[in-house]
Amino acid sequence: MEVSKNIEVEDIKDLARLVAFTMSMGQPIYLLHFIHNNRHYYGVLGVYNNYYDKYGLPIFYYYSSERSINGKYVLVKMDEKEEVIFSDGTKPGWVAVPIINLKEKPEFLEI
């Protein structure tokens, strides 16, 4: 039995773009952060919907790094030029996604 399906993105900006787009569609979303095997993992959970035998299986889109990201929010501005920054607060005109720090890796994620 599969516990989760994990999809690694190439860059933290790819993950930021995914969560900002999801939030702009009216869906509440947040980034999860935890440390596992001396690496920092940042990710977002989704689920398979209407995908045969995978229905309801968690999908974890993630980015991993040896270093942590400074900030409590990822801020994305989608104007003529995309901008992604990390901050301890929000800014008007930016999509702000909170980063939630977990004490440990969730058991249902196999990384």
PDB file of N, CA and C in Angstrom:
ATOM      1  N   MET A   1       0.840  -1.189   0.000  1.00  0.00           N
ATOM      2  CA  MET A   1       0.000   0.000   0.000  1.00  0.00           C
ATOM      3  C   MET A   1       0.882   1.249   0.000  1.00  0.00           C
ATOM      4  N   GLU A   2       0.611   2.152  -0.922  1.00  0.00           N
ATOM      5  CA  GLU A   2       1.367   3.395  -0.983  1.00  0.00           C
ATOM      6  C   GLU A   2       0.921   4.323   0.134  1.00  0.00           C
ATOM      7  N   VAL A   3       1.913   4.959   0.778  1.00  0.00           N
ATOM      8  CA  VAL A   3       1.605   5.900   1.846  1.00  0.00           C
ATOM      9  C   VAL A   3       1.406   7.293   1.262  1.00  0.00           C
ATOM     10  N   SER A   4       2.282   7.695   0.341  1.00  0.00           N
ATOM     11  CA  SER A   4       2.143   8.981  -0.340  1.00  0.00           C
ATOM     12  C   SER A   4       2.906   8.917  -1.650  1.00  0.00           C
ATOM     13  N   LYS A   5       2.639   9.872  -2.511  1.00  0.00           N
ATOM     14  CA  LYS A   5       3.374  10.027  -3.756  1.00  0.00           C
ATOM     15  C   LYS A   5       4.132  11.336  -3.618  1.00  0.00           C
ATOM     16  N   ASN A   6       5.432  11.295  -3.796  1.00  0.00           N
ATOM     17  CA  ASN A   6       6.261  12.485  -3.614  1.00  0.00           C
ATOM     18  C   ASN A   6       6.782  12.973  -4.954  1.00  0.00           C
ATOM     19  N   ILE A   7       6.688  14.278  -5.157  1.00  0.00           N
ATOM     20  CA  ILE A   7       7.151  14.885  -6.393  1.00  0.00           C
ATOM     21  C   ILE A   7       8.080  16.027  -6.023  1.00  0.00           C
ATOM     22  N   GLU A   8       9.350  15.882  -6.381  1.00  0.00           N
ATOM     23  CA  GLU A   8      10.340  16.913  -6.055  1.00  0.00           C
ATOM     24  C   GLU A   8      10.391  17.948  -7.171  1.00  0.00           C
ATOM     25  N   VAL A   9      10.321  19.222  -6.798  1.00  0.00           N
ATOM     26  CA  VAL A   9      10.449  20.304  -7.767  1.00  0.00           C
ATOM     27  C   VAL A   9      11.918  20.705  -7.833  1.00  0.00           C
ATOM     28  N   GLU A  10      12.296  21.353  -8.919  1.00  0.00           N
ATOM     29  CA  GLU A  10      13.700  21.685  -9.134  1.00  0.00           C
ATOM     30  C   GLU A  10      14.190  22.830  -8.265  1.00  0.00           C
ATOM     31  N   ASP A  11      13.319  23.793  -7.982  1.00  0.00           N
ATOM     32  CA  ASP A  11      13.744  25.005  -7.282  1.00  0.00           C
ATOM     33  C   ASP A  11      12.645  25.444  -6.326  1.00  0.00           C
ATOM     34  N   ILE A  12      13.027  26.121  -5.266  1.00  0.00           N
ATOM     35  CA  ILE A  12      12.037  26.624  -4.304  1.00  0.00           C
ATOM     36  C   ILE A  12      11.068  27.587  -4.981  1.00  0.00           C
ATOM     37  N   LYS A  13      11.517  28.271  -6.026  1.00  0.00           N
ATOM     38  CA  LYS A  13      10.631  29.193  -6.743  1.00  0.00           C
ATOM     39  C   LYS A  13       9.526  28.445  -7.479  1.00  0.00           C
ATOM     40  N   ASP A  14       9.805  27.223  -7.926  1.00  0.00           N
ATOM     41  CA  ASP A  14       8.766  26.403  -8.553  1.00  0.00           C
ATOM     42  C   ASP A  14       7.681  26.065  -7.542  1.00  0.00           C
ATOM     43  N   LEU A  15       8.096  25.720  -6.335  1.00  0.00           N
ATOM     44  CA  LEU A  15       7.139  25.420  -5.278  1.00  0.00           C
ATOM     45  C   LEU A  15       6.349  26.677  -4.902  1.00  0.00           C
ATOM     46  N   ALA A  16       7.026  27.812  -4.817  1.00  0.00           N
ATOM     47  CA  ALA A  16       6.357  29.080  -4.504  1.00  0.00           C
ATOM     48  C   ALA A  16       5.320  29.426  -5.563  1.00  0.00           C
ATOM     49  N   ARG A  17       5.653  29.203  -6.813  1.00  0.00           N
ATOM     50  CA  ARG A  17       4.714  29.479  -7.916  1.00  0.00           C
ATOM     51  C   ARG A  17       3.479  28.578  -7.808  1.00  0.00           C
ATOM     52  N   LEU A  18       3.692  27.323  -7.472  1.00  0.00           N
ATOM     53  CA  LEU A  18       2.582  26.379  -7.312  1.00  0.00           C
ATOM     54  C   LEU A  18       1.635  26.823  -6.203  1.00  0.00           C
ATOM     55  N   VAL A  19       2.175  27.179  -5.045  1.00  0.00           N
ATOM     56  CA  VAL A  19       1.295  27.560  -3.939  1.00  0.00           C
ATOM     57  C   VAL A  19       0.646  28.920  -4.176  1.00  0.00           C
ATOM     58  N   ALA A  20       1.353  29.843  -4.808  1.00  0.00           N
ATOM     59  CA  ALA A  20       0.764  31.153  -5.102  1.00  0.00           C
ATOM     60  C   ALA A  20      -0.386  31.015  -6.087  1.00  0.00           C
ATOM     61  N   PHE A  21      -0.212  30.187  -7.109  1.00  0.00           N
ATOM     62  CA  PHE A  21      -1.284  29.972  -8.078  1.00  0.00           C
ATOM     63  C   PHE A  21      -2.491  29.320  -7.406  1.00  0.00           C
ATOM     64  N   THR A  22      -2.243  28.328  -6.567  1.00  0.00           N
ATOM     65  CA  THR A  22      -3.328  27.657  -5.859  1.00  0.00           C
ATOM     66  C   THR A  22      -4.083  28.639  -4.977  1.00  0.00           C
ATOM     67  N   MET A  23      -3.346  29.499  -4.278  1.00  0.00           N
ATOM     68  CA  MET A  23      -3.977  30.489  -3.411  1.00  0.00           C
ATOM     69  C   MET A  23      -4.770  31.511  -4.234  1.00  0.00           C
ATOM     70  N   SER A  24      -4.244  31.890  -5.395  1.00  0.00           N
ATOM     71  CA  SER A  24      -4.951  32.868  -6.228  1.00  0.00           C
ATOM     72  C   SER A  24      -6.266  32.314  -6.768  1.00  0.00           C
ATOM     73  N   MET A  25      -6.421  30.990  -6.767  1.00  0.00           N
ATOM     74  CA  MET A  25      -7.665  30.350  -7.205  1.00  0.00           C
ATOM     75  C   MET A  25      -8.657  30.221  -6.055  1.00  0.00           C
ATOM     76  N   GLY A  26      -8.316  30.810  -4.897  1.00  0.00           N
ATOM     77  CA  GLY A  26      -9.227  30.824  -3.764  1.00  0.00           C
ATOM     78  C   GLY A  26      -9.075  29.665  -2.808  1.00  0.00           C
ATOM     79  N   GLN A  27      -8.046  28.849  -2.991  1.00  0.00           N
ATOM     80  CA  GLN A  27      -7.827  27.715  -2.103  1.00  0.00           C
ATOM     81  C   GLN A  27      -6.880  28.110  -0.973  1.00  0.00           C
ATOM     82  N   PRO A  28      -7.239  27.841   0.276  1.00  0.00           N
ATOM     83  CA  PRO A  28      -6.288  28.108   1.362  1.00  0.00           C
ATOM     84  C   PRO A  28      -5.134  27.111   1.262  1.00  0.00           C
ATOM     85  N   ILE A  29      -3.922  27.581   1.477  1.00  0.00           N
ATOM     86  CA  ILE A  29      -2.751  26.719   1.323  1.00  0.00           C
ATOM     87  C   ILE A  29      -1.617  27.232   2.198  1.00  0.00           C
ATOM     88  N   TYR A  30      -0.696  26.365   2.508  1.00  0.00           N
ATOM     89  CA  TYR A  30       0.469  26.711   3.326  1.00  0.00           C
ATOM     90  C   TYR A  30       1.600  25.769   2.934  1.00  0.00           C
ATOM     91  N   LEU A  31       2.833  26.197   3.235  1.00  0.00           N
ATOM     92  CA  LEU A  31       3.987  25.339   3.028  1.00  0.00           C
ATOM     93  C   LEU A  31       4.339  24.658   4.335  1.00  0.00           C
ATOM     94  N   LEU A  32       4.652  23.390   4.272  1.00  0.00           N
ATOM     95  CA  LEU A  32       5.137  22.662   5.438  1.00  0.00           C
ATOM     96  C   LEU A  32       6.657  22.632   5.387  1.00  0.00           C
ATOM     97  N   HIS A  33       7.282  22.726   6.561  1.00  0.00           N
ATOM     98  CA  HIS A  33       8.735  22.627   6.661  1.00  0.00           C
ATOM     99  C   HIS A  33       9.075  21.655   7.778  1.00  0.00           C
ATOM    100  N   PHE A  34       9.996  20.745   7.487  1.00  0.00           N
ATOM    101  CA  PHE A  34      10.508  19.848   8.523  1.00  0.00           C
ATOM    102  C   PHE A  34      11.931  19.442   8.153  1.00  0.00           C
ATOM    103  N   ILE A  35      12.656  18.942   9.132  1.00  0.00           N
ATOM    104  CA  ILE A  35      14.015  18.466   8.930  1.00  0.00           C
ATOM    105  C   ILE A  35      13.991  16.940   9.012  1.00  0.00           C
ATOM    106  N   HIS A  36      14.629  16.305   8.046  1.00  0.00           N
ATOM    107  CA  HIS A  36      14.711  14.841   8.014  1.00  0.00           C
ATOM    108  C   HIS A  36      16.073  14.459   7.440  1.00  0.00           C
ATOM    109  N   ASN A  37      16.818  13.633   8.156  1.00  0.00           N
ATOM    110  CA  ASN A  37      18.160  13.217   7.724  1.00  0.00           C
ATOM    111  C   ASN A  37      19.044  14.413   7.379  1.00  0.00           C
ATOM    112  N   ASN A  38      19.021  15.416   8.244  1.00  0.00           N
ATOM    113  CA  ASN A  38      19.856  16.627   8.115  1.00  0.00           C
ATOM    114  C   ASN A  38      19.557  17.455   6.870  1.00  0.00           C
ATOM    115  N   ARG A  39      18.376  17.299   6.297  1.00  0.00           N
ATOM    116  CA  ARG A  39      17.953  18.130   5.164  1.00  0.00           C
ATOM    117  C   ARG A  39      16.663  18.837   5.530  1.00  0.00           C
ATOM    118  N   HIS A  40      16.497  20.028   4.978  1.00  0.00           N
ATOM    119  CA  HIS A  40      15.281  20.813   5.177  1.00  0.00           C
ATOM    120  C   HIS A  40      14.340  20.523   4.015  1.00  0.00           C
ATOM    121  N   TYR A  41      13.115  20.168   4.350  1.00  0.00           N
ATOM    122  CA  TYR A  41      12.087  19.890   3.350  1.00  0.00           C
ATOM    123  C   TYR A  41      10.998  20.945   3.447  1.00  0.00           C
ATOM    124  N   TYR A  42      10.652  21.511   2.293  1.00  0.00           N
ATOM    125  CA  TYR A  42       9.552  22.465   2.175  1.00  0.00           C
ATOM    126  C   TYR A  42       8.592  21.868   1.173  1.00  0.00           C
ATOM    127  N   GLY A  43       7.326  21.816   1.535  1.00  0.00           N
ATOM    128  CA  GLY A  43       6.400  21.194   0.604  1.00  0.00           C
ATOM    129  C   GLY A  43       4.955  21.541   0.861  1.00  0.00           C
ATOM    130  N   VAL A  44       4.122  21.055  -0.031  1.00  0.00           N
ATOM    131  CA  VAL A  44       2.690  21.275   0.047  1.00  0.00           C
ATOM    132  C   VAL A  44       1.988  19.951  -0.259  1.00  0.00           C
ATOM    133  N   LEU A  45       0.928  19.702   0.486  1.00  0.00           N
ATOM    134  CA  LEU A  45       0.163  18.470   0.309  1.00  0.00           C
ATOM    135  C   LEU A  45      -1.023  18.680  -0.625  1.00  0.00           C
ATOM    136  N   GLY A  46      -1.253  17.710  -1.433  1.00  0.00           N
ATOM    137  CA  GLY A  46      -2.444  17.649  -2.268  1.00  0.00           C
ATOM    138  C   GLY A  46      -2.931  16.213  -2.234  1.00  0.00           C
ATOM    139  N   VAL A  47      -3.977  15.921  -2.957  1.00  0.00           N
ATOM    140  CA  VAL A  47      -4.461  14.542  -3.052  1.00  0.00           C
ATOM    141  C   VAL A  47      -4.837  14.247  -4.492  1.00  0.00           C
ATOM    142  N   TYR A  48      -4.710  12.982  -4.860  1.00  0.00           N
ATOM    143  CA  TYR A  48      -5.223  12.544  -6.152  1.00  0.00           C
ATOM    144  C   TYR A  48      -6.742  12.564  -6.081  1.00  0.00           C
ATOM    145  N   ASN A  49      -7.364  13.147  -7.050  1.00  0.00           N
ATOM    146  CA  ASN A  49      -8.819  13.112  -7.173  1.00  0.00           C
ATOM    147  C   ASN A  49      -9.167  12.420  -8.473  1.00  0.00           C
ATOM    148  N   ASN A  50     -10.075  11.484  -8.398  1.00  0.00           N
ATOM    149  CA  ASN A  50     -10.564  10.780  -9.590  1.00  0.00           C
ATOM    150  C   ASN A  50      -9.451  10.151 -10.421  1.00  0.00           C
ATOM    151  N   TYR A  51      -8.487   9.539  -9.760  1.00  0.00           N
ATOM    152  CA  TYR A  51      -7.394   8.885 -10.471  1.00  0.00           C
ATOM    153  C   TYR A  51      -7.396   7.395 -10.143  1.00  0.00           C
ATOM    154  N   TYR A  52      -8.364   6.692 -10.612  1.00  0.00           N
ATOM    155  CA  TYR A  52      -8.492   5.244 -10.501  1.00  0.00           C
ATOM    156  C   TYR A  52      -8.239   4.763  -9.074  1.00  0.00           C
ATOM    157  N   ASP A  53      -7.228   3.931  -8.881  1.00  0.00           N
ATOM    158  CA  ASP A  53      -6.956   3.367  -7.561  1.00  0.00           C
ATOM    159  C   ASP A  53      -6.163   4.304  -6.659  1.00  0.00           C
ATOM    160  N   LYS A  54      -5.807   5.490  -7.135  1.00  0.00           N
ATOM    161  CA  LYS A  54      -5.028   6.443  -6.341  1.00  0.00           C
ATOM    162  C   LYS A  54      -5.912   7.475  -5.634  1.00  0.00           C
ATOM    163  N   TYR A  55      -7.205   7.367  -5.765  1.00  0.00           N
ATOM    164  CA  TYR A  55      -8.131   8.346  -5.211  1.00  0.00           C
ATOM    165  C   TYR A  55      -7.863   8.576  -3.727  1.00  0.00           C
ATOM    166  N   GLY A  56      -7.594   9.801  -3.357  1.00  0.00           N
ATOM    167  CA  GLY A  56      -7.357  10.162  -1.957  1.00  0.00           C
ATOM    168  C   GLY A  56      -5.923   9.980  -1.500  1.00  0.00           C
ATOM    169  N   LEU A  57      -5.043   9.458  -2.349  1.00  0.00           N
ATOM    170  CA  LEU A  57      -3.635   9.279  -1.984  1.00  0.00           C
ATOM    171  C   LEU A  57      -2.968  10.650  -1.872  1.00  0.00           C
ATOM    172  N   PRO A  58      -2.290  10.936  -0.745  1.00  0.00           N
ATOM    173  CA  PRO A  58      -1.615  12.236  -0.623  1.00  0.00           C
ATOM    174  C   PRO A  58      -0.483  12.389  -1.637  1.00  0.00           C
ATOM    175  N   ILE A  59      -0.374  13.572  -2.189  1.00  0.00           N
ATOM    176  CA  ILE A  59       0.739  13.950  -3.058  1.00  0.00           C
ATOM    177  C   ILE A  59       1.511  15.027  -2.300  1.00  0.00           C
ATOM    178  N   PHE A  60       2.811  14.874  -2.223  1.00  0.00           N
ATOM    179  CA  PHE A  60       3.648  15.849  -1.538  1.00  0.00           C
ATOM    180  C   PHE A  60       4.610  16.445  -2.553  1.00  0.00           C
ATOM    181  N   TYR A  61       4.334  17.685  -2.980  1.00  0.00           N
ATOM    182  CA  TYR A  61       5.238  18.426  -3.845  1.00  0.00           C
ATOM    183  C   TYR A  61       6.248  19.089  -2.913  1.00  0.00           C
ATOM    184  N   TYR A  62       7.538  18.881  -3.163  1.00  0.00           N
ATOM    185  CA  TYR A  62       8.511  19.390  -2.200  1.00  0.00           C
ATOM    186  C   TYR A  62       9.815  19.849  -2.844  1.00  0.00           C
ATOM    187  N   TYR A  63      10.542  20.617  -2.054  1.00  0.00           N
ATOM    188  CA  TYR A  63      11.894  21.057  -2.365  1.00  0.00           C
ATOM    189  C   TYR A  63      12.736  20.749  -1.143  1.00  0.00           C
ATOM    190  N   SER A  64      13.941  20.237  -1.335  1.00  0.00           N
ATOM    191  CA  SER A  64      14.807  19.966  -0.184  1.00  0.00           C
ATOM    192  C   SER A  64      16.129  20.695  -0.345  1.00  0.00           C
ATOM    193  N   SER A  65      16.719  21.019   0.798  1.00  0.00           N
ATOM    194  CA  SER A  65      17.951  21.795   0.814  1.00  0.00           C
ATOM    195  C   SER A  65      18.746  21.468   2.072  1.00  0.00           C
ATOM    196  N   GLU A  66      20.031  21.713   2.025  1.00  0.00           N
ATOM    197  CA  GLU A  66      20.863  21.545   3.211  1.00  0.00           C
ATOM    198  C   GLU A  66      20.662  22.699   4.192  1.00  0.00           C
ATOM    199  N   ARG A  67      20.146  23.813   3.699  1.00  0.00           N
ATOM    200  CA  ARG A  67      19.965  24.995   4.546  1.00  0.00           C
ATOM    201  C   ARG A  67      18.495  25.350   4.672  1.00  0.00           C
ATOM    202  N   SER A  68      18.170  25.985   5.789  1.00  0.00           N
ATOM    203  CA  SER A  68      16.798  26.451   5.973  1.00  0.00           C
ATOM    204  C   SER A  68      16.610  27.792   5.275  1.00  0.00           C
ATOM    205  N   ILE A  69      15.381  28.131   5.048  1.00  0.00           N
ATOM    206  CA  ILE A  69      15.013  29.408   4.449  1.00  0.00           C
ATOM    207  C   ILE A  69      14.641  30.353   5.576  1.00  0.00           C
ATOM    208  N   ASN A  70      15.181  31.555   5.542  1.00  0.00           N
ATOM    209  CA  ASN A  70      14.845  32.540   6.563  1.00  0.00           C
ATOM    210  C   ASN A  70      13.524  33.200   6.216  1.00  0.00           C
ATOM    211  N   GLY A  71      12.562  33.100   7.112  1.00  0.00           N
ATOM    212  CA  GLY A  71      11.280  33.744   6.903  1.00  0.00           C
ATOM    213  C   GLY A  71      10.132  32.857   7.345  1.00  0.00           C
ATOM    214  N   LYS A  72       9.028  33.514   7.635  1.00  0.00           N
ATOM    215  CA  LYS A  72       7.815  32.817   8.052  1.00  0.00           C
ATOM    216  C   LYS A  72       6.786  32.741   6.928  1.00  0.00           C
ATOM    217  N   TYR A  73       7.055  33.473   5.840  1.00  0.00           N
ATOM    218  CA  TYR A  73       6.154  33.504   4.684  1.00  0.00           C
ATOM    219  C   TYR A  73       6.973  33.448   3.402  1.00  0.00           C
ATOM    220  N   VAL A  74       6.391  32.835   2.382  1.00  0.00           N
ATOM    221  CA  VAL A  74       6.905  32.980   1.033  1.00  0.00           C
ATOM    222  C   VAL A  74       5.973  33.977   0.362  1.00  0.00           C
ATOM    223  N   LEU A  75       6.557  35.013  -0.218  1.00  0.00           N
ATOM    224  CA  LEU A  75       5.792  36.072  -0.881  1.00  0.00           C
ATOM    225  C   LEU A  75       6.063  36.000  -2.374  1.00  0.00           C
ATOM    226  N   VAL A  76       4.984  36.050  -3.148  1.00  0.00           N
ATOM    227  CA  VAL A  76       5.103  35.968  -4.601  1.00  0.00           C
ATOM    228  C   VAL A  76       4.343  37.133  -5.213  1.00  0.00           C
ATOM    229  N   LYS A  77       5.004  37.811  -6.148  1.00  0.00           N
ATOM    230  CA  LYS A  77       4.360  38.883  -6.897  1.00  0.00           C
ATOM    231  C   LYS A  77       4.391  38.473  -8.362  1.00  0.00           C
ATOM    232  N   MET A  78       3.211  38.446  -8.962  1.00  0.00           N
ATOM    233  CA  MET A  78       3.098  37.973 -10.343  1.00  0.00           C
ATOM    234  C   MET A  78       2.692  39.133 -11.239  1.00  0.00           C
ATOM    235  N   ASP A  79       3.634  40.010 -11.514  1.00  0.00           N
ATOM    236  CA  ASP A  79       3.403  41.125 -12.433  1.00  0.00           C
ATOM    237  C   ASP A  79       4.087  40.814 -13.755  1.00  0.00           C
ATOM    238  N   GLU A  80       4.676  41.837 -14.378  1.00  0.00           N
ATOM    239  CA  GLU A  80       5.407  41.609 -15.621  1.00  0.00           C
ATOM    240  C   GLU A  80       6.572  40.656 -15.404  1.00  0.00           C
ATOM    241  N   LYS A  81       7.157  40.733 -14.205  1.00  0.00           N
ATOM    242  CA  LYS A  81       8.263  39.864 -13.847  1.00  0.00           C
ATOM    243  C   LYS A  81       7.923  39.196 -12.513  1.00  0.00           C
ATOM    244  N   GLU A  82       8.016  37.907 -12.474  1.00  0.00           N
ATOM    245  CA  GLU A  82       7.729  37.171 -11.242  1.00  0.00           C
ATOM    246  C   GLU A  82       8.816  37.457 -10.199  1.00  0.00           C
ATOM    247  N   GLU A  83       8.383  37.684  -8.962  1.00  0.00           N
ATOM    248  CA  GLU A  83       9.309  37.875  -7.855  1.00  0.00           C
ATOM    249  C   GLU A  83       8.909  36.940  -6.722  1.00  0.00           C
ATOM    250  N   VAL A  84       9.905  36.298  -6.126  1.00  0.00           N
ATOM    251  CA  VAL A  84       9.696  35.420  -4.984  1.00  0.00           C
ATOM    252  C   VAL A  84      10.675  35.826  -3.900  1.00  0.00           C
ATOM    253  N   ILE A  85      10.143  36.124  -2.701  1.00  0.00           N
ATOM    254  CA  ILE A  85      10.992  36.451  -1.559  1.00  0.00           C
ATOM    255  C   ILE A  85      10.449  35.735  -0.326  1.00  0.00           C
ATOM    256  N   PHE A  86      11.267  35.668   0.686  1.00  0.00           N
ATOM    257  CA  PHE A  86      10.864  35.084   1.963  1.00  0.00           C
ATOM    258  C   PHE A  86      10.952  36.186   3.005  1.00  0.00           C
ATOM    259  N   SER A  87       9.951  36.237   3.883  1.00  0.00           N
ATOM    260  CA  SER A  87       9.832  37.357   4.802  1.00  0.00           C
ATOM    261  C   SER A  87       9.224  36.893   6.123  1.00  0.00           C
ATOM    262  N   ASP A  88       9.404  37.715   7.149  1.00  0.00           N
ATOM    263  CA  ASP A  88       8.763  37.452   8.438  1.00  0.00           C
ATOM    264  C   ASP A  88       7.370  38.060   8.504  1.00  0.00           C
ATOM    265  N   GLY A  89       6.968  38.787   7.462  1.00  0.00           N
ATOM    266  CA  GLY A  89       5.637  39.385   7.413  1.00  0.00           C
ATOM    267  C   GLY A  89       5.125  39.413   5.984  1.00  0.00           C
ATOM    268  N   THR A  90       3.958  40.003   5.817  1.00  0.00           N
ATOM    269  CA  THR A  90       3.336  40.080   4.498  1.00  0.00           C
ATOM    270  C   THR A  90       3.503  41.480   3.923  1.00  0.00           C
ATOM    271  N   LYS A  91       3.228  41.624   2.632  1.00  0.00           N
ATOM    272  CA  LYS A  91       3.306  42.917   1.952  1.00  0.00           C
ATOM    273  C   LYS A  91       2.060  43.098   1.093  1.00  0.00           C
ATOM    274  N   PRO A  92       1.522  44.313   1.036  1.00  0.00           N
ATOM    275  CA  PRO A  92       0.378  44.565   0.152  1.00  0.00           C
ATOM    276  C   PRO A  92       0.753  44.293  -1.305  1.00  0.00           C
ATOM    277  N   GLY A  93      -0.155  43.670  -2.046  1.00  0.00           N
ATOM    278  CA  GLY A  93       0.075  43.396  -3.461  1.00  0.00           C
ATOM    279  C   GLY A  93       0.824  42.103  -3.734  1.00  0.00           C
ATOM    280  N   TRP A  94       1.220  41.408  -2.695  1.00  0.00           N
ATOM    281  CA  TRP A  94       1.933  40.144  -2.835  1.00  0.00           C
ATOM    282  C   TRP A  94       1.038  39.008  -2.357  1.00  0.00           C
ATOM    283  N   VAL A  95       1.175  37.837  -2.970  1.00  0.00           N
ATOM    284  CA  VAL A  95       0.522  36.640  -2.455  1.00  0.00           C
ATOM    285  C   VAL A  95       1.411  36.122  -1.327  1.00  0.00           C
ATOM    286  N   ALA A  96       0.842  36.005  -0.131  1.00  0.00           N
ATOM    287  CA  ALA A  96       1.610  35.576   1.043  1.00  0.00           C
ATOM    288  C   ALA A  96       1.157  34.187   1.477  1.00  0.00           C
ATOM    289  N   VAL A  97       2.098  33.264   1.518  1.00  0.00           N
ATOM    290  CA  VAL A  97       1.814  31.888   1.921  1.00  0.00           C
ATOM    291  C   VAL A  97       2.605  31.595   3.190  1.00  0.00           C
ATOM    292  N   PRO A  98       1.924  31.221   4.277  1.00  0.00           N
ATOM    293  CA  PRO A  98       2.643  30.938   5.516  1.00  0.00           C
ATOM    294  C   PRO A  98       3.456  29.645   5.420  1.00  0.00           C
ATOM    295  N   ILE A  99       4.588  29.645   6.117  1.00  0.00           N
ATOM    296  CA  ILE A  99       5.428  28.452   6.241  1.00  0.00           C
ATOM    297  C   ILE A  99       5.185  27.891   7.638  1.00  0.00           C
ATOM    298  N   ILE A 100       4.729  26.652   7.710  1.00  0.00           N
ATOM    299  CA  ILE A 100       4.417  26.003   8.977  1.00  0.00           C
ATOM    300  C   ILE A 100       5.538  25.024   9.303  1.00  0.00           C
ATOM    301  N   ASN A 101       6.228  25.257  10.434  1.00  0.00           N
ATOM    302  CA  ASN A 101       7.334  24.404  10.860  1.00  0.00           C
ATOM    303  C   ASN A 101       6.807  23.228  11.674  1.00  0.00           C
ATOM    304  N   LEU A 102       7.117  22.028  11.225  1.00  0.00           N
ATOM    305  CA  LEU A 102       6.719  20.811  11.929  1.00  0.00           C
ATOM    306  C   LEU A 102       7.894  20.311  12.772  1.00  0.00           C
ATOM    307  N   LYS A 103       7.602  19.666  13.883  1.00  0.00           N
ATOM    308  CA  LYS A 103       8.657  19.119  14.735  1.00  0.00           C
ATOM    309  C   LYS A 103       9.378  17.952  14.071  1.00  0.00           C
ATOM    310  N   GLU A 104       8.637  17.204  13.247  1.00  0.00           N
ATOM    311  CA  GLU A 104       9.234  16.053  12.581  1.00  0.00           C
ATOM    312  C   GLU A 104       8.473  15.746  11.298  1.00  0.00           C
ATOM    313  N   LYS A 105       9.074  14.882  10.497  1.00  0.00           N
ATOM    314  CA  LYS A 105       8.462  14.468   9.244  1.00  0.00           C
ATOM    315  C   LYS A 105       7.173  13.703   9.542  1.00  0.00           C
ATOM    316  N   PRO A 106       6.079  14.026   8.863  1.00  0.00           N
ATOM    317  CA  PRO A 106       4.854  13.241   9.037  1.00  0.00           C
ATOM    318  C   PRO A 106       5.086  11.772   8.674  1.00  0.00           C
ATOM    319  N   GLU A 107       4.501  10.880   9.428  1.00  0.00           N
ATOM    320  CA  GLU A 107       4.702   9.450   9.211  1.00  0.00           C
ATOM    321  C   GLU A 107       4.251   8.963   7.847  1.00  0.00           C
ATOM    322  N   PHE A 108       3.222   9.576   7.289  1.00  0.00           N
ATOM    323  CA  PHE A 108       2.706   9.087   6.001  1.00  0.00           C
ATOM    324  C   PHE A 108       3.531   9.527   4.804  1.00  0.00           C
ATOM    325  N   LEU A 109       4.568  10.351   5.035  1.00  0.00           N
ATOM    326  CA  LEU A 109       5.471  10.743   3.937  1.00  0.00           C
ATOM    327  C   LEU A 109       6.690   9.841   3.959  1.00  0.00           C
ATOM    328  N   GLU A 110       6.985   9.242   2.832  1.00  0.00           N
ATOM    329  CA  GLU A 110       8.185   8.421   2.701  1.00  0.00           C
ATOM    330  C   GLU A 110       9.173   9.139   1.811  1.00  0.00           C
ATOM    331  N   ILE A 111      10.174   9.720   2.435  1.00  0.00           N
ATOM    332  CA  ILE A 111      11.203  10.454   1.675  1.00  0.00           C
ATOM    333  C   ILE A 111      12.543   9.799   1.941  1.00  0.00           C
TER     334      ILE A 111
END
